[in-house]
Every structure is written in structure tokens, then in C-alpha cells.
Amino acid sequence: MVRLYRLGHDRYVQHTEGRPLPAELESYARERRGEMPPYMVLPQGPVTFRVSEEGCRPRTFAWNGRDPLPPVVLQYVCQQGALPPQDP
């Protein structure tokens, strides 16, 4: 399972379950006595995100379910607080 942790305003860290925690997550948990930040579960497997700007056609961004999210998708999450619409 891949999660996107919210460390603060416009600060997100992606982590795949079963792998070592990134330094930012370790530091967050250490400062809060083991408490982890809020997170959202990312889709499993390949997916296509649809990101649209006002007055423009939606653009699509493929994600394989493992690598870091495309920067445009992460920017959308920072602005909207949720993942953009997606197609399987």
C-alpha cells in the first residue's frame, strides 16, 4: 500500500508500506512520540489522473502505482487537499 502523508501546509511525503520510512517521516514521528501524520491511500496499480485548470481541457498524467507522483498531481493535492479524478 502506498500512502501520501501530510506533514504540514503544502508538505507531503509518499511512502510505500514495508519499506524504510523516509527521514522526514521518522523525524515527524520522533517529535510526536511515535504518532504518524494524517495520510491518504494512493490507488493500487497503474492509474491515469485527470487534472484540469479553469477554462482548459483536462490533462492526463499516468502513474504506475509505485514511483513518485507526477509533480502536477502533487501540486493538485497541495491546492485541493485530495487526489484529482482518476481513470483506471
PDB file of N, CA and C in Angstrom:
ATOM      1  N   MET A   1       0.846  -1.171   0.000  1.00  0.00           N
ATOM      2  CA  MET A   1       0.000   0.000   0.000  1.00  0.00           C
ATOM      3  C   MET A   1       0.897   1.243   0.000  1.00  0.00           C
ATOM      4  N   VAL A   2       0.564   2.179  -0.867  1.00  0.00           N
ATOM      5  CA  VAL A   2       1.313   3.424  -0.960  1.00  0.00           C
ATOM      6  C   VAL A   2       0.472   4.526  -0.321  1.00  0.00           C
ATOM      7  N   ARG A   3       1.100   5.297   0.550  1.00  0.00           N
ATOM      8  CA  ARG A   3       0.400   6.374   1.246  1.00  0.00           C
ATOM      9  C   ARG A   3       1.081   7.706   0.976  1.00  0.00           C
ATOM     10  N   LEU A   4       0.276   8.750   1.021  1.00  0.00           N
ATOM     11  CA  LEU A   4       0.785  10.105   0.886  1.00  0.00           C
ATOM     12  C   LEU A   4       0.506  10.813   2.210  1.00  0.00           C
ATOM     13  N   TYR A   5       1.570  11.044   2.992  1.00  0.00           N
ATOM     14  CA  TYR A   5       1.451  11.642   4.320  1.00  0.00           C
ATOM     15  C   TYR A   5       1.516  13.158   4.228  1.00  0.00           C
ATOM     16  N   ARG A   6       0.677  13.813   4.997  1.00  0.00           N
ATOM     17  CA  ARG A   6       0.680  15.284   5.039  1.00  0.00           C
ATOM     18  C   ARG A   6       1.476  15.733   6.262  1.00  0.00           C
ATOM     19  N   LEU A   7       2.613  16.362   6.004  1.00  0.00           N
ATOM     20  CA  LEU A   7       3.482  16.815   7.089  1.00  0.00           C
ATOM     21  C   LEU A   7       3.199  18.247   7.513  1.00  0.00           C
ATOM     22  N   GLY A   8       2.432  18.949   6.736  1.00  0.00           N
ATOM     23  CA  GLY A   8       2.123  20.343   7.034  1.00  0.00           C
ATOM     24  C   GLY A   8       1.558  20.989   5.790  1.00  0.00           C
ATOM     25  N   HIS A   9       1.377  22.288   5.870  1.00  0.00           N
ATOM     26  CA  HIS A   9       0.823  23.021   4.736  1.00  0.00           C
ATOM     27  C   HIS A   9       1.712  22.840   3.510  1.00  0.00           C
ATOM     28  N   ASP A  10       1.155  22.265   2.453  1.00  0.00           N
ATOM     29  CA  ASP A  10       1.873  22.032   1.192  1.00  0.00           C
ATOM     30  C   ASP A  10       3.091  21.130   1.336  1.00  0.00           C
ATOM     31  N   ARG A  11       3.109  20.282   2.353  1.00  0.00           N
ATOM     32  CA  ARG A  11       4.239  19.357   2.533  1.00  0.00           C
ATOM     33  C   ARG A  11       3.700  17.937   2.620  1.00  0.00           C
ATOM     34  N   TYR A  12       4.000  17.149   1.604  1.00  0.00           N
ATOM     35  CA  TYR A  12       3.555  15.762   1.547  1.00  0.00           C
ATOM     36  C   TYR A  12       4.762  14.856   1.311  1.00  0.00           C
ATOM     37  N   VAL A  13       4.694  13.650   1.875  1.00  0.00           N
ATOM     38  CA  VAL A  13       5.744  12.650   1.664  1.00  0.00           C
ATOM     39  C   VAL A  13       5.069  11.337   1.289  1.00  0.00           C
ATOM     40  N   GLN A  14       5.529  10.746   0.201  1.00  0.00           N
ATOM     41  CA  GLN A  14       4.990   9.470  -0.268  1.00  0.00           C
ATOM     42  C   GLN A  14       5.796   8.336   0.358  1.00  0.00           C
ATOM     43  N   HIS A  15       5.088   7.282   0.801  1.00  0.00           N
ATOM     44  CA  HIS A  15       5.776   6.142   1.409  1.00  0.00           C
ATOM     45  C   HIS A  15       5.065   4.849   1.041  1.00  0.00           C
ATOM     46  N   THR A  16       5.841   3.843   0.676  1.00  0.00           N
ATOM     47  CA  THR A  16       5.313   2.519   0.369  1.00  0.00           C
ATOM     48  C   THR A  16       5.470   1.633   1.593  1.00  0.00           C
ATOM     49  N   GLU A  17       4.360   1.035   2.006  1.00  0.00           N
ATOM     50  CA  GLU A  17       4.351   0.159   3.178  1.00  0.00           C
ATOM     51  C   GLU A  17       5.387  -0.952   3.016  1.00  0.00           C
ATOM     52  N   GLY A  18       6.081  -1.261   4.097  1.00  0.00           N
ATOM     53  CA  GLY A  18       7.080  -2.314   4.071  1.00  0.00           C
ATOM     54  C   GLY A  18       8.486  -1.824   3.753  1.00  0.00           C
ATOM     55  N   ARG A  19       8.603  -0.593   3.334  1.00  0.00           N
ATOM     56  CA  ARG A  19       9.927  -0.015   3.060  1.00  0.00           C
ATOM     57  C   ARG A  19      10.326   0.886   4.220  1.00  0.00           C
ATOM     58  N   PRO A  20      11.614   1.181   4.354  1.00  0.00           N
ATOM     59  CA  PRO A  20      12.040   2.082   5.437  1.00  0.00           C
ATOM     60  C   PRO A  20      11.370   3.457   5.320  1.00  0.00           C
ATOM     61  N   LEU A  21      11.080   4.046   6.466  1.00  0.00           N
ATOM     62  CA  LEU A  21      10.461   5.370   6.464  1.00  0.00           C
ATOM     63  C   LEU A  21      11.441   6.422   5.953  1.00  0.00           C
ATOM     64  N   PRO A  22      10.961   7.353   5.144  1.00  0.00           N
ATOM     65  CA  PRO A  22      11.809   8.476   4.752  1.00  0.00           C
ATOM     66  C   PRO A  22      12.191   9.290   5.993  1.00  0.00           C
ATOM     67  N   ALA A  23      13.321   9.960   5.939  1.00  0.00           N
ATOM     68  CA  ALA A  23      13.830  10.730   7.077  1.00  0.00           C
ATOM     69  C   ALA A  23      12.798  11.732   7.595  1.00  0.00           C
ATOM     70  N   GLU A  24      12.048  12.361   6.691  1.00  0.00           N
ATOM     71  CA  GLU A  24      11.045  13.354   7.117  1.00  0.00           C
ATOM     72  C   GLU A  24       9.955  12.715   7.971  1.00  0.00           C
ATOM     73  N   LEU A  25       9.536  11.497   7.607  1.00  0.00           N
ATOM     74  CA  LEU A  25       8.512  10.814   8.403  1.00  0.00           C
ATOM     75  C   LEU A  25       9.072  10.352   9.742  1.00  0.00           C
ATOM     76  N   GLU A  26      10.286   9.850   9.744  1.00  0.00           N
ATOM     77  CA  GLU A  26      10.924   9.441  11.002  1.00  0.00           C
ATOM     78  C   GLU A  26      11.025  10.624  11.954  1.00  0.00           C
ATOM     79  N   SER A  27      11.446  11.753  11.438  1.00  0.00           N
ATOM     80  CA  SER A  27      11.588  12.957  12.255  1.00  0.00           C
ATOM     81  C   SER A  27      10.234  13.397  12.806  1.00  0.00           C
ATOM     82  N   TYR A  28       9.205  13.383  11.974  1.00  0.00           N
ATOM     83  CA  TYR A  28       7.852  13.765  12.400  1.00  0.00           C
ATOM     84  C   TYR A  28       7.387  12.866  13.548  1.00  0.00           C
ATOM     85  N   ALA A  29       7.540  11.551  13.364  1.00  0.00           N
ATOM     86  CA  ALA A  29       7.099  10.594  14.384  1.00  0.00           C
ATOM     87  C   ALA A  29       7.904  10.745  15.669  1.00  0.00           C
ATOM     88  N   ARG A  30       9.191  10.961  15.547  1.00  0.00           N
ATOM     89  CA  ARG A  30      10.048  11.111  16.729  1.00  0.00           C
ATOM     90  C   ARG A  30       9.636  12.342  17.534  1.00  0.00           C
ATOM     91  N   GLU A  31       9.332  13.430  16.846  1.00  0.00           N
ATOM     92  CA  GLU A  31       8.929  14.668  17.523  1.00  0.00           C
ATOM     93  C   GLU A  31       7.571  14.541  18.203  1.00  0.00           C
ATOM     94  N   ARG A  32       6.764  13.573  17.748  1.00  0.00           N
ATOM     95  CA  ARG A  32       5.397  13.411  18.273  1.00  0.00           C
ATOM     96  C   ARG A  32       5.204  12.080  18.984  1.00  0.00           C
ATOM     97  N   ARG A  33       6.276  11.545  19.521  1.00  0.00           N
ATOM     98  CA  ARG A  33       6.245  10.302  20.306  1.00  0.00           C
ATOM     99  C   ARG A  33       5.609   9.140  19.554  1.00  0.00           C
ATOM    100  N   GLY A  34       5.970   8.984  18.297  1.00  0.00           N
ATOM    101  CA  GLY A  34       5.515   7.852  17.502  1.00  0.00           C
ATOM    102  C   GLY A  34       4.246   8.089  16.706  1.00  0.00           C
ATOM    103  N   GLU A  35       3.578   9.200  16.922  1.00  0.00           N
ATOM    104  CA  GLU A  35       2.353   9.481  16.176  1.00  0.00           C
ATOM    105  C   GLU A  35       2.707   9.830  14.731  1.00  0.00           C
ATOM    106  N   MET A  36       1.989   9.201  13.805  1.00  0.00           N
ATOM    107  CA  MET A  36       2.219   9.459  12.387  1.00  0.00           C
ATOM    108  C   MET A  36       1.268  10.550  11.896  1.00  0.00           C
ATOM    109  N   PRO A  37       1.645  11.271  10.852  1.00  0.00           N
ATOM    110  CA  PRO A  37       0.782  12.330  10.320  1.00  0.00           C
ATOM    111  C   PRO A  37      -0.416  11.752   9.579  1.00  0.00           C
ATOM    112  N   PRO A  38      -1.416  12.601   9.307  1.00  0.00           N
ATOM    113  CA  PRO A  38      -2.546  12.134   8.507  1.00  0.00           C
ATOM    114  C   PRO A  38      -2.071  11.741   7.105  1.00  0.00           C
ATOM    115  N   TYR A  39      -2.799  10.832   6.479  1.00  0.00           N
ATOM    116  CA  TYR A  39      -2.389  10.369   5.153  1.00  0.00           C
ATOM    117  C   TYR A  39      -3.600  10.029   4.304  1.00  0.00           C
ATOM    118  N   MET A  40      -3.354   9.896   3.011  1.00  0.00           N
ATOM    119  CA  MET A  40      -4.357   9.352   2.097  1.00  0.00           C
ATOM    120  C   MET A  40      -3.725   8.162   1.390  1.00  0.00           C
ATOM    121  N   VAL A  41      -4.527   7.140   1.173  1.00  0.00           N
ATOM    122  CA  VAL A  41      -4.054   5.945   0.470  1.00  0.00           C
ATOM    123  C   VAL A  41      -4.117   6.228  -1.027  1.00  0.00           C
ATOM    124  N   LEU A  42      -3.020   5.946  -1.698  1.00  0.00           N
ATOM    125  CA  LEU A  42      -2.957   6.155  -3.146  1.00  0.00           C
ATOM    126  C   LEU A  42      -3.501   4.920  -3.858  1.00  0.00           C
ATOM    127  N   PRO A  43      -4.013   5.089  -5.072  1.00  0.00           N
ATOM    128  CA  PRO A  43      -4.575   3.956  -5.814  1.00  0.00           C
ATOM    129  C   PRO A  43      -3.540   2.861  -6.036  1.00  0.00           C
ATOM    130  N   GLN A  44      -4.029   1.619  -6.060  1.00  0.00           N
ATOM    131  CA  GLN A  44      -3.145   0.491  -6.334  1.00  0.00           C
ATOM    132  C   GLN A  44      -3.051   0.292  -7.838  1.00  0.00           C
ATOM    133  N   GLY A  45      -1.861  -0.007  -8.292  1.00  0.00           N
ATOM    134  CA  GLY A  45      -1.661  -0.281  -9.707  1.00  0.00           C
ATOM    135  C   GLY A  45      -1.677   0.965 -10.569  1.00  0.00           C
ATOM    136  N   PRO A  46      -1.499   0.784 -11.847  1.00  0.00           N
ATOM    137  CA  PRO A  46      -1.467   1.926 -12.769  1.00  0.00           C
ATOM    138  C   PRO A  46      -2.795   2.672 -12.794  1.00  0.00           C
ATOM    139  N   VAL A  47      -2.703   3.982 -12.900  1.00  0.00           N
ATOM    140  CA  VAL A  47      -3.876   4.837 -12.937  1.00  0.00           C
ATOM    141  C   VAL A  47      -3.536   6.088 -13.738  1.00  0.00           C
ATOM    142  N   THR A  48      -4.548   6.721 -14.288  1.00  0.00           N
ATOM    143  CA  THR A  48      -4.370   7.978 -15.001  1.00  0.00           C
ATOM    144  C   THR A  48      -5.149   9.053 -14.263  1.00  0.00           C
ATOM    145  N   PHE A  49      -4.459  10.092 -13.847  1.00  0.00           N
ATOM    146  CA  PHE A  49      -5.091  11.214 -13.161  1.00  0.00           C
ATOM    147  C   PHE A  49      -5.495  12.262 -14.194  1.00  0.00           C
ATOM    148  N   ARG A  50      -6.653  12.893 -13.976  1.00  0.00           N
ATOM    149  CA  ARG A  50      -7.119  13.975 -14.839  1.00  0.00           C
ATOM    150  C   ARG A  50      -7.055  15.281 -14.053  1.00  0.00           C
ATOM    151  N   VAL A  51      -6.210  16.186 -14.508  1.00  0.00           N
ATOM    152  CA  VAL A  51      -6.043  17.476 -13.842  1.00  0.00           C
ATOM    153  C   VAL A  51      -6.484  18.562 -14.809  1.00  0.00           C
ATOM    154  N   SER A  52      -7.431  19.384 -14.354  1.00  0.00           N
ATOM    155  CA  SER A  52      -7.897  20.454 -15.229  1.00  0.00           C
ATOM    156  C   SER A  52      -7.753  21.796 -14.526  1.00  0.00           C
ATOM    157  N   GLU A  53      -7.470  22.782 -15.329  1.00  0.00           N
ATOM    158  CA  GLU A  53      -7.416  24.154 -14.849  1.00  0.00           C
ATOM    159  C   GLU A  53      -8.638  24.862 -15.379  1.00  0.00           C
ATOM    160  N   GLU A  54      -9.070  25.876 -14.689  1.00  0.00           N
ATOM    161  CA  GLU A  54     -10.287  26.584 -15.066  1.00  0.00           C
ATOM    162  C   GLU A  54     -10.249  27.018 -16.532  1.00  0.00           C
ATOM    163  N   GLY A  55     -11.284  26.631 -17.265  1.00  0.00           N
ATOM    164  CA  GLY A  55     -11.393  27.029 -18.663  1.00  0.00           C
ATOM    165  C   GLY A  55     -10.554  26.219 -19.636  1.00  0.00           C
ATOM    166  N   CYS A  56      -9.859  25.201 -19.160  1.00  0.00           N
ATOM    167  CA  CYS A  56      -8.997  24.390 -20.028  1.00  0.00           C
ATOM    168  C   CYS A  56      -9.474  22.934 -20.029  1.00  0.00           C
ATOM    169  N   ARG A  57      -9.114  22.223 -21.077  1.00  0.00           N
ATOM    170  CA  ARG A  57      -9.406  20.787 -21.118  1.00  0.00           C
ATOM    171  C   ARG A  57      -8.538  20.071 -20.092  1.00  0.00           C
ATOM    172  N   PRO A  58      -9.066  19.000 -19.500  1.00  0.00           N
ATOM    173  CA  PRO A  58      -8.253  18.234 -18.542  1.00  0.00           C
ATOM    174  C   PRO A  58      -7.018  17.631 -19.211  1.00  0.00           C
ATOM    175  N   ARG A  59      -5.927  17.645 -18.485  1.00  0.00           N
ATOM    176  CA  ARG A  59      -4.711  16.965 -18.933  1.00  0.00           C
ATOM    177  C   ARG A  59      -4.616  15.656 -18.162  1.00  0.00           C
ATOM    178  N   THR A  60      -4.038  14.645 -18.760  1.00  0.00           N
ATOM    179  CA  THR A  60      -3.915  13.353 -18.093  1.00  0.00           C
ATOM    180  C   THR A  60      -2.459  13.075 -17.748  1.00  0.00           C
ATOM    181  N   PHE A  61      -2.282  12.415 -16.610  1.00  0.00           N
ATOM    182  CA  PHE A  61      -0.952  12.065 -16.121  1.00  0.00           C
ATOM    183  C   PHE A  61      -0.984  10.627 -15.628  1.00  0.00           C
ATOM    184  N   ALA A  62      -0.190   9.786 -16.258  1.00  0.00           N
ATOM    185  CA  ALA A  62      -0.135   8.376 -15.889  1.00  0.00           C
ATOM    186  C   ALA A  62       0.768   8.196 -14.669  1.00  0.00           C
ATOM    187  N   TRP A  63       0.368   7.267 -13.819  1.00  0.00           N
ATOM    188  CA  TRP A  63       1.176   6.901 -12.648  1.00  0.00           C
ATOM    189  C   TRP A  63       1.130   5.394 -12.517  1.00  0.00           C
ATOM    190  N   ASN A  64       2.283   4.766 -12.308  1.00  0.00           N
ATOM    191  CA  ASN A  64       2.357   3.306 -12.292  1.00  0.00           C
ATOM    192  C   ASN A  64       2.024   2.676 -10.940  1.00  0.00           C
ATOM    193  N   GLY A  65       1.746   3.468  -9.934  1.00  0.00           N
ATOM    194  CA  GLY A  65       1.392   2.922  -8.622  1.00  0.00           C
ATOM    195  C   GLY A  65       2.576   2.692  -7.704  1.00  0.00           C
ATOM    196  N   ARG A  66       3.784   3.024  -8.149  1.00  0.00           N
ATOM    197  CA  ARG A  66       4.985   2.798  -7.345  1.00  0.00           C
ATOM    198  C   ARG A  66       5.884   4.025  -7.256  1.00  0.00           C
ATOM    199  N   ASP A  67       6.187   4.605  -8.402  1.00  0.00           N
ATOM    200  CA  ASP A  67       7.117   5.732  -8.446  1.00  0.00           C
ATOM    201  C   ASP A  67       6.491   6.975  -7.805  1.00  0.00           C
ATOM    202  N   PRO A  68       7.296   8.011  -7.591  1.00  0.00           N
ATOM    203  CA  PRO A  68       6.719   9.255  -7.053  1.00  0.00           C
ATOM    204  C   PRO A  68       5.603   9.785  -7.960  1.00  0.00           C
ATOM    205  N   LEU A  69       4.612  10.401  -7.335  1.00  0.00           N
ATOM    206  CA  LEU A  69       3.520  11.002  -8.093  1.00  0.00           C
ATOM    207  C   LEU A  69       4.065  12.074  -9.033  1.00  0.00           C
ATOM    208  N   PRO A  70       3.432  12.255 -10.182  1.00  0.00           N
ATOM    209  CA  PRO A  70       3.851  13.347 -11.065  1.00  0.00           C
ATOM    210  C   PRO A  70       3.720  14.688 -10.327  1.00  0.00           C
ATOM    211  N   PRO A  71       4.644  15.613 -10.533  1.00  0.00           N
ATOM    212  CA  PRO A  71       4.606  16.898  -9.831  1.00  0.00           C
ATOM    213  C   PRO A  71       3.277  17.646  -9.967  1.00  0.00           C
ATOM    214  N   VAL A  72       2.649  17.569 -11.129  1.00  0.00           N
ATOM    215  CA  VAL A  72       1.373  18.267 -11.332  1.00  0.00           C
ATOM    216  C   VAL A  72       0.294  17.670 -10.425  1.00  0.00           C
ATOM    217  N   VAL A  73       0.310  16.362 -10.252  1.00  0.00           N
ATOM    218  CA  VAL A  73      -0.660  15.699  -9.373  1.00  0.00           C
ATOM    219  C   VAL A  73      -0.403  16.111  -7.925  1.00  0.00           C
ATOM    220  N   LEU A  74       0.856  16.134  -7.521  1.00  0.00           N
ATOM    221  CA  LEU A  74       1.187  16.546  -6.155  1.00  0.00           C
ATOM    222  C   LEU A  74       0.797  18.003  -5.916  1.00  0.00           C
ATOM    223  N   GLN A  75       0.983  18.851  -6.903  1.00  0.00           N
ATOM    224  CA  GLN A  75       0.576  20.248  -6.787  1.00  0.00           C
ATOM    225  C   GLN A  75      -0.947  20.338  -6.612  1.00  0.00           C
ATOM    226  N   TYR A  76      -1.691  19.530  -7.342  1.00  0.00           N
ATOM    227  CA  TYR A  76      -3.150  19.490  -7.212  1.00  0.00           C
ATOM    228  C   TYR A  76      -3.533  19.097  -5.780  1.00  0.00           C
ATOM    229  N   VAL A  77      -2.873  18.079  -5.247  1.00  0.00           N
ATOM    230  CA  VAL A  77      -3.148  17.635  -3.876  1.00  0.00           C
ATOM    231  C   VAL A  77      -2.875  18.768  -2.887  1.00  0.00           C
ATOM    232  N   CYS A  78      -1.788  19.480  -3.066  1.00  0.00           N
ATOM    233  CA  CYS A  78      -1.455  20.600  -2.177  1.00  0.00           C
ATOM    234  C   CYS A  78      -2.527  21.686  -2.231  1.00  0.00           C
ATOM    235  N   GLN A  79      -3.073  21.939  -3.406  1.00  0.00           N
ATOM    236  CA  GLN A  79      -4.069  23.004  -3.561  1.00  0.00           C
ATOM    237  C   GLN A  79      -5.463  22.566  -3.126  1.00  0.00           C
ATOM    238  N   GLN A  80      -5.832  21.314  -3.420  1.00  0.00           N
ATOM    239  CA  GLN A  80      -7.193  20.843  -3.204  1.00  0.00           C
ATOM    240  C   GLN A  80      -7.359  19.964  -1.968  1.00  0.00           C
ATOM    241  N   GLY A  81      -6.271  19.401  -1.467  1.00  0.00           N
ATOM    242  CA  GLY A  81      -6.365  18.521  -0.304  1.00  0.00           C
ATOM    243  C   GLY A  81      -6.903  17.138  -0.618  1.00  0.00           C
ATOM    244  N   ALA A  82      -6.951  16.791  -1.895  1.00  0.00           N
ATOM    245  CA  ALA A  82      -7.451  15.491  -2.332  1.00  0.00           C
ATOM    246  C   ALA A  82      -6.796  15.132  -3.660  1.00  0.00           C
ATOM    247  N   LEU A  83      -6.875  13.866  -4.007  1.00  0.00           N
ATOM    248  CA  LEU A  83      -6.348  13.429  -5.301  1.00  0.00           C
ATOM    249  C   LEU A  83      -7.261  13.905  -6.421  1.00  0.00           C
ATOM    250  N   PRO A  84      -6.702  14.167  -7.599  1.00  0.00           N
ATOM    251  CA  PRO A  84      -7.550  14.544  -8.733  1.00  0.00           C
ATOM    252  C   PRO A  84      -8.364  13.342  -9.212  1.00  0.00           C
ATOM    253  N   PRO A  85      -9.398  13.601 -10.024  1.00  0.00           N
ATOM    254  CA  PRO A  85     -10.158  12.476 -10.597  1.00  0.00           C
ATOM    255  C   PRO A  85      -9.223  11.535 -11.334  1.00  0.00           C
ATOM    256  N   GLN A  86      -9.608  10.262 -11.386  1.00  0.00           N
ATOM    257  CA  GLN A  86      -8.730   9.271 -11.989  1.00  0.00           C
ATOM    258  C   GLN A  86      -9.500   8.251 -12.808  1.00  0.00           C
ATOM    259  N   ASP A  87      -8.797   7.688 -13.785  1.00  0.00           N
ATOM    260  CA  ASP A  87      -9.304   6.594 -14.613  1.00  0.00           C
ATOM    261  C   ASP A  87      -8.406   5.392 -14.370  1.00  0.00           C
ATOM    262  N   PRO A  88      -9.007   4.201 -14.271  1.00  0.00           N
ATOM    263  CA  PRO A  88      -8.171   3.002 -14.056  1.00  0.00           C
ATOM    264  C   PRO A  88      -7.295   2.684 -15.243  1.00  0.00           C
TER     265      PRO A  88
END
